[in-house]
Amino acid sequence: MASAPASTVEPDGIDEPRPLVHGTVKRLLGWIIPANLSIYILWGAIPTVLLPLQIAGIDPANKVANLTIITTIAAFAAMLAQPLAGMISDRTRSRFGRRAPWMVAGVLIGGLALVGMALANGLVQIAIAWIIVQIAYNFAQGPLSAILPDRVPRAARGTFAALAGMGAMLGALGGQIAGSMLRSSIPTAYLLLAGLALIVIVLFVVFNPDHSSREQQNPPFSMRAFLSTFWVNPVRHPDFFWAFTGRLLLYTGYFAVTGFQLYILADYIGLGEEGAAAAIPIFGLLSLVGMIAAMLVGGPLSDKLGRRKVFVFASSVIVGVAFLVPLVMPTYTGWLIFTVIAGIGFGMFQSVDQALMSEVLPSKDSYAKDLGVVNIAATLPQTLAPAIGGAIVLAFGGYAALFPVGIVLAILGAFAVWPIKAVK
């Protein structure tokens, strides 16, 4: 591809991938749902339900501060893990391709770390095990996210992103439900989650083989070049920068509130800890209904219209509006209404944003690394959400301050996509 001026470099995400080794794109579309679900169910169950309960059981008086410290440290580990996993997988030469070895290794090591969490009885043990969980499963999730630009034709990317988003949201919300149902036996929950991820990811790799990368030629490794990937250059790759920024803003706003859901329901809505844990499955199901409906419409419709930005913009605004409800109606009913509206908005965002991201990637030689950086904008807010929420609650003396922050970040995220030029 001919060189372009620095400020107008055309993204390589618009290139078409090689044909699949065998099978069809439809089969790949079907497998991405359980694959994403098996990873995201961890992020739904552990940081939002199981980990807060485990920490509160050890030191109830200091639960907010302890949760904030542990999740902050683990979040920074996750932030480093995905780009590193992406870079390593981009450069991997094996008969099974670039992604499969790291996906399997990630869920295996992560599963062992969850066993460690199941056996932990102190805050230090929990913190160490949770950091390893974050690193290991991000080593699986980073290469898995590269399946989209690696193997999916552009014309099907909106549908693929919608199904991938559906799997992610089924996992995240299903994780909240599963975590709540298994809250009386946290070690058992950890073991079941570890087993599910291991089985599903291994089956994904077996039934969706990749091209061999044995003959792949890699450029010399440059630590400077790798470290520079943590800086999304707004001059050289403006579209990538704006897409990253929009996702980071919306996810931070959304998960700063929903990631703190257990404590909000218990203390702000007034349900108490046991009542909050029992109510989470109900809210999860309602949110799931809204998300799935929006995903089934949003992704395929964006493919049909050939447009992404308008869907991302609208979905961010909807999420921002949803945050108004619990601010003015801090009741069980208010949280129900918020859950449905936010579910619709976030579902639409999930269904289209991944397709938009795949079309603004800077280089086809580093899809996984670049998507690892992109996924910082998704995974970091989720893992850091309790820390962000805790800091806001401690600073302002109440949970109500979370909602204005969520509104502002969601609206800013909506406007961040409009400067993108390579995608309509």
Protein backbone atom coordinates (compact mmCIF):
# COMPACT_ATOMS: atom_id res chain seq x y z
CA MET A 1 0.00 0.00 0.00
CA ALA A 2 1.40 3.38 -0.97
CA SER A 3 2.52 5.70 1.77
CA ALA A 4 0.23 8.51 2.76
CA PRO A 5 0.82 11.71 4.66
CA ALA A 6 1.12 11.13 8.38
CA SER A 7 -2.23 12.69 9.18
CA THR A 8 -4.13 10.70 6.56
CA VAL A 9 -2.72 7.17 6.86
CA GLU A 10 -5.41 4.79 5.66
CA PRO A 11 -6.19 2.01 8.16
CA ASP A 12 -5.41 -1.57 7.16
CA GLY A 13 -8.62 -2.79 8.79
CA ILE A 14 -10.36 -2.25 5.46
CA ASP A 15 -8.34 -5.11 3.87
CA GLU A 16 -10.12 -8.42 3.28
CA PRO A 17 -8.77 -11.47 5.17
CA ARG A 18 -7.56 -14.75 3.68
CA PRO A 19 -10.12 -17.53 3.14
CA LEU A 20 -10.75 -19.79 6.13
CA VAL A 21 -8.73 -22.99 6.47
CA HIS A 22 -11.97 -24.96 6.25
CA GLY A 23 -15.58 -24.46 7.19
CA THR A 24 -17.63 -21.34 6.61
CA VAL A 25 -17.96 -17.88 8.08
CA LYS A 26 -21.35 -18.99 9.45
CA ARG A 27 -19.67 -21.60 11.61
CA LEU A 28 -17.24 -19.00 12.91
CA LEU A 29 -20.19 -16.71 13.61
CA GLY A 30 -21.81 -19.44 15.67
CA TRP A 31 -18.72 -20.22 17.71
CA ILE A 32 -17.88 -16.65 18.68
CA ILE A 33 -20.93 -16.46 20.97
CA PRO A 34 -19.91 -19.26 23.38
CA ALA A 35 -16.24 -18.28 23.14
CA ASN A 36 -16.88 -14.70 24.24
CA LEU A 37 -19.45 -15.84 26.79
CA SER A 38 -16.94 -18.15 28.47
CA ILE A 39 -14.50 -15.26 29.01
CA TYR A 40 -16.92 -12.46 29.83
CA ILE A 41 -18.86 -14.54 32.34
CA LEU A 42 -15.75 -14.21 34.49
CA TRP A 43 -15.84 -10.42 34.27
CA GLY A 44 -19.55 -10.47 35.07
CA ALA A 45 -19.39 -12.80 38.06
CA ILE A 46 -16.11 -12.06 39.80
CA PRO A 47 -15.49 -8.28 40.04
CA THR A 48 -19.18 -7.39 40.36
CA VAL A 49 -20.44 -10.09 42.77
CA LEU A 50 -18.03 -12.77 43.97
CA LEU A 51 -14.94 -10.68 44.65
CA PRO A 52 -16.80 -7.93 46.55
CA LEU A 53 -18.55 -10.57 48.66
CA GLN A 54 -15.32 -12.44 49.31
CA ILE A 55 -13.57 -9.23 50.37
CA ALA A 56 -16.51 -8.07 52.48
CA GLY A 57 -16.50 -11.44 54.25
CA ILE A 58 -12.91 -10.92 55.38
CA ASP A 59 -13.13 -7.27 56.50
CA PRO A 60 -16.66 -5.84 56.30
CA ALA A 61 -15.76 -2.45 57.79
CA ASN A 62 -13.17 -1.68 55.11
CA LYS A 63 -14.77 -3.41 52.13
CA VAL A 64 -14.84 -0.35 49.82
CA ALA A 65 -11.21 0.59 50.44
CA ASN A 66 -9.96 -3.01 50.14
CA LEU A 67 -11.90 -3.63 46.94
CA THR A 68 -10.58 -0.36 45.50
CA ILE A 69 -6.95 -1.26 46.19
CA ILE A 70 -7.13 -4.82 44.87
CA THR A 71 -9.02 -3.98 41.70
CA THR A 72 -6.80 -0.99 40.93
CA ILE A 73 -3.62 -3.08 41.04
CA ALA A 74 -5.21 -5.87 39.00
CA ALA A 75 -6.58 -3.39 36.46
CA PHE A 76 -3.13 -2.07 35.66
CA ALA A 77 -1.94 -5.64 35.17
CA ALA A 78 -4.82 -6.19 32.74
CA MET A 79 -3.98 -2.96 30.92
CA LEU A 80 -0.47 -4.24 30.20
CA ALA A 81 -1.50 -7.82 29.49
CA GLN A 82 -3.69 -7.41 26.40
CA PRO A 83 -1.30 -5.41 24.21
CA LEU A 84 1.55 -7.68 25.32
CA ALA A 85 -0.52 -10.76 24.49
CA GLY A 86 -1.47 -9.23 21.17
CA MET A 87 2.13 -8.42 20.25
CA ILE A 88 3.32 -11.91 21.18
CA SER A 89 0.51 -13.61 19.26
CA ASP A 90 1.10 -11.37 16.21
CA ARG A 91 4.69 -12.65 16.14
CA THR A 92 3.96 -16.31 17.01
CA ARG A 93 5.01 -18.98 14.52
CA SER A 94 3.26 -22.32 14.99
CA ARG A 95 1.42 -24.97 13.03
CA PHE A 96 -1.76 -23.92 14.84
CA GLY A 97 -1.49 -20.29 13.77
CA ARG A 98 -0.76 -17.15 15.76
CA ARG A 99 -3.72 -17.04 18.13
CA ALA A 100 -4.60 -20.57 19.29
CA PRO A 101 -1.58 -21.33 21.53
CA TRP A 102 -2.11 -18.23 23.62
CA MET A 103 -5.87 -18.61 23.87
CA VAL A 104 -5.45 -22.11 25.31
CA ALA A 105 -2.54 -21.16 27.57
CA GLY A 106 -4.47 -18.16 28.90
CA VAL A 107 -7.55 -20.12 30.00
CA LEU A 108 -5.39 -22.90 31.47
CA ILE A 109 -3.24 -20.61 33.61
CA GLY A 110 -6.22 -18.42 34.47
CA GLY A 111 -8.12 -21.50 35.63
CA LEU A 112 -5.29 -22.45 37.98
CA ALA A 113 -5.30 -18.90 39.37
CA LEU A 114 -9.05 -19.19 40.04
CA VAL A 115 -8.31 -22.34 42.02
CA GLY A 116 -5.94 -20.16 44.03
CA MET A 117 -8.72 -17.64 44.64
CA ALA A 118 -11.01 -20.45 45.75
CA LEU A 119 -8.44 -21.52 48.35
CA ALA A 120 -7.50 -17.99 49.48
CA ASN A 121 -8.44 -16.84 52.98
CA GLY A 122 -6.61 -13.51 53.15
CA LEU A 123 -6.57 -10.24 51.21
CA VAL A 124 -2.97 -10.66 50.01
CA GLN A 125 -3.68 -14.13 48.62
CA ILE A 126 -6.81 -12.88 46.89
CA ALA A 127 -4.95 -9.92 45.39
CA ILE A 128 -2.12 -12.07 43.97
CA ALA A 129 -4.50 -14.65 42.51
CA TRP A 130 -6.79 -11.98 41.01
CA ILE A 131 -3.83 -10.28 39.32
CA ILE A 132 -2.82 -13.59 37.73
CA VAL A 133 -6.44 -14.17 36.64
CA GLN A 134 -6.49 -10.76 34.96
CA ILE A 135 -3.22 -11.35 33.11
CA ALA A 136 -3.98 -14.91 32.03
CA TYR A 137 -7.51 -14.39 30.73
CA ASN A 138 -6.46 -11.23 28.93
CA PHE A 139 -3.84 -13.36 27.16
CA ALA A 140 -6.78 -15.45 25.93
CA GLN A 141 -9.13 -12.55 25.22
CA GLY A 142 -6.63 -10.45 23.25
CA PRO A 143 -5.92 -13.07 20.54
CA LEU A 144 -9.62 -14.04 20.50
CA SER A 145 -10.57 -10.45 19.62
CA ALA A 146 -8.21 -10.58 16.63
CA ILE A 147 -10.42 -13.26 15.00
CA LEU A 148 -12.61 -10.46 13.59
CA PRO A 149 -10.04 -8.69 11.38
CA ASP A 150 -8.06 -11.93 10.85
CA ARG A 151 -10.86 -14.03 9.36
CA VAL A 152 -14.16 -12.15 8.86
CA PRO A 153 -14.97 -10.38 5.54
CA ARG A 154 -15.88 -6.70 5.89
CA ALA A 155 -19.44 -7.28 4.71
CA ALA A 156 -20.09 -9.59 7.66
CA ARG A 157 -18.25 -7.69 10.36
CA GLY A 158 -21.29 -5.91 11.73
CA THR A 159 -23.10 -9.22 12.16
CA PHE A 160 -20.00 -10.86 13.64
CA ALA A 161 -19.52 -7.95 16.04
CA ALA A 162 -23.18 -8.18 17.05
CA LEU A 163 -22.85 -11.89 17.81
CA ALA A 164 -19.53 -11.36 19.59
CA GLY A 165 -21.14 -8.57 21.59
CA MET A 166 -24.10 -10.81 22.35
CA GLY A 167 -21.76 -13.48 23.68
CA ALA A 168 -19.94 -10.87 25.74
CA MET A 169 -23.12 -9.46 27.23
CA LEU A 170 -24.65 -12.90 27.81
CA GLY A 171 -21.47 -13.72 29.66
CA ALA A 172 -21.23 -10.46 31.61
CA LEU A 173 -24.87 -10.46 32.67
CA GLY A 174 -25.04 -14.22 33.02
CA GLY A 175 -22.00 -13.94 35.23
CA GLN A 176 -23.84 -11.56 37.53
CA ILE A 177 -26.74 -14.00 37.73
CA ALA A 178 -24.48 -17.03 38.24
CA GLY A 179 -22.40 -15.16 40.80
CA SER A 180 -25.51 -14.20 42.75
CA MET A 181 -26.89 -17.74 42.66
CA LEU A 182 -23.57 -19.20 43.82
CA ARG A 183 -22.78 -16.48 46.36
CA SER A 184 -23.10 -18.94 49.25
CA SER A 185 -20.32 -21.09 47.75
CA ILE A 186 -17.75 -18.76 46.21
CA PRO A 187 -14.99 -21.43 45.81
CA THR A 188 -17.38 -23.63 43.82
CA ALA A 189 -18.25 -20.67 41.59
CA TYR A 190 -14.58 -20.05 40.82
CA LEU A 191 -14.01 -23.69 39.88
CA LEU A 192 -17.07 -23.81 37.61
CA LEU A 193 -16.04 -20.61 35.83
CA ALA A 194 -12.51 -21.92 35.28
CA GLY A 195 -13.79 -25.20 33.82
CA LEU A 196 -16.27 -23.51 31.49
CA ALA A 197 -13.67 -21.19 29.96
CA LEU A 198 -11.15 -23.99 29.47
CA ILE A 199 -13.60 -26.34 27.76
CA VAL A 200 -15.18 -23.75 25.45
CA ILE A 201 -11.95 -22.09 24.29
CA VAL A 202 -10.30 -25.45 23.56
CA LEU A 203 -13.34 -26.48 21.50
CA PHE A 204 -13.28 -23.13 19.66
CA VAL A 205 -9.66 -23.69 18.66
CA VAL A 206 -10.32 -27.29 17.58
CA PHE A 207 -13.38 -26.52 15.43
CA ASN A 208 -12.05 -23.24 13.99
CA PRO A 209 -8.44 -23.92 12.98
CA ASP A 210 -6.23 -21.13 11.72
CA HIS A 211 -3.63 -21.01 8.97
CA SER A 212 -0.17 -22.17 9.98
CA SER A 213 2.18 -19.30 10.79
CA ARG A 214 5.39 -21.32 10.68
CA GLU A 215 6.68 -19.45 7.63
CA GLN A 216 5.72 -16.02 8.91
CA GLN A 217 8.47 -13.42 8.67
CA ASN A 218 8.61 -11.07 11.64
CA PRO A 219 10.37 -7.70 11.69
CA PRO A 220 13.01 -7.26 14.39
CA PHE A 221 11.50 -6.68 17.81
CA SER A 222 11.68 -3.12 19.07
CA MET A 223 10.92 -2.34 22.69
CA ARG A 224 10.52 1.31 21.76
CA ALA A 225 7.94 0.41 19.10
CA PHE A 226 6.05 -1.81 21.55
CA LEU A 227 5.96 0.84 24.28
CA SER A 228 4.75 3.37 21.72
CA THR A 229 1.62 1.25 21.15
CA PHE A 230 0.33 2.39 24.53
CA TRP A 231 0.19 5.85 23.01
CA VAL A 232 -2.61 6.10 20.45
CA ASN A 233 -1.18 8.71 18.07
CA PRO A 234 -3.97 11.16 17.15
CA VAL A 235 -1.91 12.66 14.32
CA ARG A 236 -0.78 9.54 12.48
CA HIS A 237 -3.90 7.46 13.16
CA PRO A 238 -6.70 9.90 14.04
CA ASP A 239 -9.55 7.47 13.31
CA PHE A 240 -8.04 4.85 15.60
CA PHE A 241 -7.52 7.48 18.28
CA TRP A 242 -11.12 8.72 18.18
CA ALA A 243 -12.59 5.21 18.14
CA PHE A 244 -10.42 4.26 21.11
CA THR A 245 -11.38 7.42 22.99
CA GLY A 246 -15.10 6.95 22.37
CA ARG A 247 -15.04 3.38 23.67
CA LEU A 248 -12.92 4.32 26.70
CA LEU A 249 -15.28 7.12 27.71
CA LEU A 250 -18.50 5.13 27.38
CA TYR A 251 -17.16 1.99 29.06
CA THR A 252 -15.72 4.00 31.93
CA GLY A 253 -19.03 5.77 32.52
CA TYR A 254 -21.09 2.59 32.20
CA PHE A 255 -18.98 0.31 34.38
CA ALA A 256 -18.19 2.95 37.00
CA VAL A 257 -21.87 2.63 37.86
CA THR A 258 -22.85 -0.95 36.98
CA GLY A 259 -19.56 -2.39 38.23
CA PHE A 260 -20.50 -1.05 41.65
CA GLN A 261 -24.03 -2.41 41.41
CA LEU A 262 -23.97 -4.68 44.47
CA TYR A 263 -23.06 -1.89 46.86
CA ILE A 264 -25.35 0.63 45.13
CA LEU A 265 -28.35 -1.67 45.49
CA ALA A 266 -27.46 -2.50 49.07
CA ASP A 267 -26.71 1.00 50.35
CA TYR A 268 -28.11 3.58 47.88
CA ILE A 269 -31.34 1.83 46.87
CA GLY A 270 -31.63 0.39 50.36
CA LEU A 271 -32.03 -3.33 49.68
CA GLY A 272 -29.30 -4.48 52.05
CA GLU A 273 -26.49 -6.83 51.02
CA GLU A 274 -28.59 -9.99 50.89
CA GLY A 275 -31.48 -8.26 49.12
CA ALA A 276 -29.11 -6.71 46.59
CA ALA A 277 -27.48 -10.05 45.77
CA ALA A 278 -30.92 -11.64 45.33
CA ALA A 279 -32.12 -8.80 43.06
CA ILE A 280 -29.14 -8.82 40.70
CA PRO A 281 -30.41 -11.80 38.63
CA ILE A 282 -33.70 -9.98 37.97
CA PHE A 283 -31.95 -6.83 36.82
CA GLY A 284 -29.51 -8.92 34.79
CA LEU A 285 -32.30 -10.65 32.88
CA LEU A 286 -34.04 -7.36 32.12
CA SER A 287 -30.82 -5.80 30.91
CA LEU A 288 -30.11 -8.88 28.81
CA VAL A 289 -33.47 -8.64 27.05
CA GLY A 290 -32.80 -5.02 26.10
CA MET A 291 -29.26 -5.77 24.98
CA ILE A 292 -30.14 -8.75 22.80
CA ALA A 293 -32.97 -6.88 21.10
CA ALA A 294 -30.67 -3.96 20.32
CA MET A 295 -27.86 -6.24 19.12
CA LEU A 296 -30.09 -8.23 16.79
CA VAL A 297 -31.19 -4.99 15.13
CA GLY A 298 -28.08 -2.82 15.38
CA GLY A 299 -25.32 -5.03 13.91
CA PRO A 300 -27.12 -6.40 10.85
CA LEU A 301 -28.74 -3.01 10.14
CA SER A 302 -25.33 -1.29 10.22
CA ASP A 303 -24.09 -3.87 7.67
CA LYS A 304 -27.12 -3.23 5.47
CA LEU A 305 -26.80 0.55 5.60
CA GLY A 306 -23.00 0.51 5.49
CA ARG A 307 -22.90 2.90 8.45
CA ARG A 308 -21.40 2.55 11.92
CA LYS A 309 -21.01 6.00 13.51
CA VAL A 310 -24.67 6.91 13.82
CA PHE A 311 -25.35 3.70 15.78
CA VAL A 312 -22.40 4.24 18.11
CA PHE A 313 -23.43 7.86 18.69
CA ALA A 314 -27.07 7.01 19.41
CA SER A 315 -26.20 4.16 21.74
CA SER A 316 -23.86 6.34 23.83
CA VAL A 317 -26.53 9.01 24.19
CA ILE A 318 -29.10 6.40 25.30
CA VAL A 319 -26.74 5.14 28.00
CA GLY A 320 -26.15 8.71 29.17
CA VAL A 321 -29.89 9.35 29.42
CA ALA A 322 -30.38 6.12 31.38
CA PHE A 323 -28.09 7.37 34.15
CA LEU A 324 -30.59 10.13 34.91
CA VAL A 325 -33.18 7.65 36.15
CA PRO A 326 -31.57 6.35 39.37
CA LEU A 327 -30.29 9.86 40.10
CA VAL A 328 -33.84 11.25 40.32
CA MET A 329 -35.53 7.96 41.32
CA PRO A 330 -33.30 6.07 43.80
CA THR A 331 -35.76 3.20 44.16
CA TYR A 332 -36.17 -0.41 43.08
CA THR A 333 -38.43 0.75 40.23
CA GLY A 334 -35.94 3.41 39.19
CA TRP A 335 -33.18 0.84 38.94
CA LEU A 336 -35.44 -1.42 36.87
CA ILE A 337 -36.08 1.39 34.38
CA PHE A 338 -32.39 2.29 34.28
CA THR A 339 -31.45 -1.34 33.65
CA VAL A 340 -33.70 -1.68 30.59
CA ILE A 341 -32.76 1.65 28.97
CA ALA A 342 -29.05 1.20 29.61
CA GLY A 343 -29.28 -2.36 28.30
CA ILE A 344 -30.74 -1.17 25.00
CA GLY A 345 -28.10 1.52 24.60
CA PHE A 346 -25.15 -0.62 25.59
CA GLY A 347 -26.39 -3.53 23.47
CA MET A 348 -26.52 -1.35 20.37
CA PHE A 349 -23.05 -0.03 21.14
CA GLN A 350 -21.63 -3.54 21.56
CA SER A 351 -23.14 -4.69 18.27
CA VAL A 352 -21.54 -2.00 16.13
CA ASP A 353 -18.48 -0.63 17.94
CA GLN A 354 -16.34 -3.75 17.38
CA ALA A 355 -17.03 -3.61 13.64
CA LEU A 356 -16.09 0.08 13.59
CA MET A 357 -12.87 -0.69 15.49
CA SER A 358 -11.89 -3.43 13.04
CA GLU A 359 -12.02 -0.92 10.18
CA VAL A 360 -9.74 1.70 11.75
CA LEU A 361 -6.84 -0.56 12.78
CA PRO A 362 -3.46 0.95 11.80
CA SER A 363 -1.70 -2.19 10.48
CA LYS A 364 -2.71 -5.65 9.29
CA ASP A 365 0.62 -6.97 10.63
CA SER A 366 -0.33 -6.18 14.21
CA TYR A 367 -4.09 -6.71 14.48
CA ALA A 368 -3.94 -8.49 17.85
CA LYS A 369 -1.55 -5.97 19.37
CA ASP A 370 -3.67 -3.05 18.17
CA LEU A 371 -6.86 -4.73 19.32
CA GLY A 372 -5.13 -5.37 22.62
CA VAL A 373 -4.69 -1.62 22.94
CA VAL A 374 -8.30 -1.11 21.84
CA ASN A 375 -9.48 -3.61 24.43
CA ILE A 376 -7.81 -1.60 27.15
CA ALA A 377 -10.71 0.78 26.52
CA ALA A 378 -13.12 -2.07 27.28
CA THR A 379 -11.45 -4.26 29.91
CA LEU A 380 -9.77 -1.54 31.94
CA PRO A 381 -13.03 0.26 32.81
CA GLN A 382 -14.65 -3.07 33.73
CA THR A 383 -11.85 -4.20 36.01
CA LEU A 384 -11.21 -0.73 37.38
CA ALA A 385 -14.89 0.10 37.85
CA PRO A 386 -15.03 -0.76 41.56
CA ALA A 387 -11.92 1.36 42.10
CA ILE A 388 -13.39 4.31 40.20
CA GLY A 389 -16.71 3.92 41.97
CA GLY A 390 -15.03 3.58 45.32
CA ALA A 391 -12.94 6.69 44.81
CA ILE A 392 -16.02 8.72 43.83
CA VAL A 393 -18.08 7.38 46.72
CA LEU A 394 -15.32 8.03 49.25
CA ALA A 395 -14.58 11.49 47.83
CA PHE A 396 -18.19 12.71 47.68
CA GLY A 397 -19.63 10.74 50.55
CA GLY A 398 -22.37 8.97 48.63
CA TYR A 399 -23.35 6.91 45.59
CA ALA A 400 -25.38 9.66 43.91
CA ALA A 401 -22.18 11.25 42.57
CA LEU A 402 -21.61 8.21 40.32
CA PHE A 403 -24.50 9.05 38.00
CA PRO A 404 -23.49 12.56 36.84
CA VAL A 405 -20.02 11.19 36.10
CA GLY A 406 -21.58 8.40 34.01
CA ILE A 407 -23.75 10.90 32.10
CA VAL A 408 -20.84 13.17 31.21
CA LEU A 409 -18.56 10.33 30.09
CA ALA A 410 -21.25 8.66 27.96
CA ILE A 411 -22.13 11.90 26.14
CA LEU A 412 -18.46 12.70 25.53
CA GLY A 413 -18.04 9.17 24.17
CA ALA A 414 -20.90 9.76 21.74
CA PHE A 415 -19.32 12.87 20.25
CA ALA A 416 -15.87 11.25 20.04
CA VAL A 417 -16.88 9.10 17.03
CA TRP A 418 -17.89 11.96 14.72
CA PRO A 419 -14.31 12.97 13.69
CA ILE A 420 -13.73 9.44 12.27
CA LYS A 421 -13.38 9.70 8.48
CA ALA A 422 -12.59 6.19 7.20
CA VAL A 423 -15.93 4.79 8.39
CA LYS A 424 -19.37 6.26 7.72
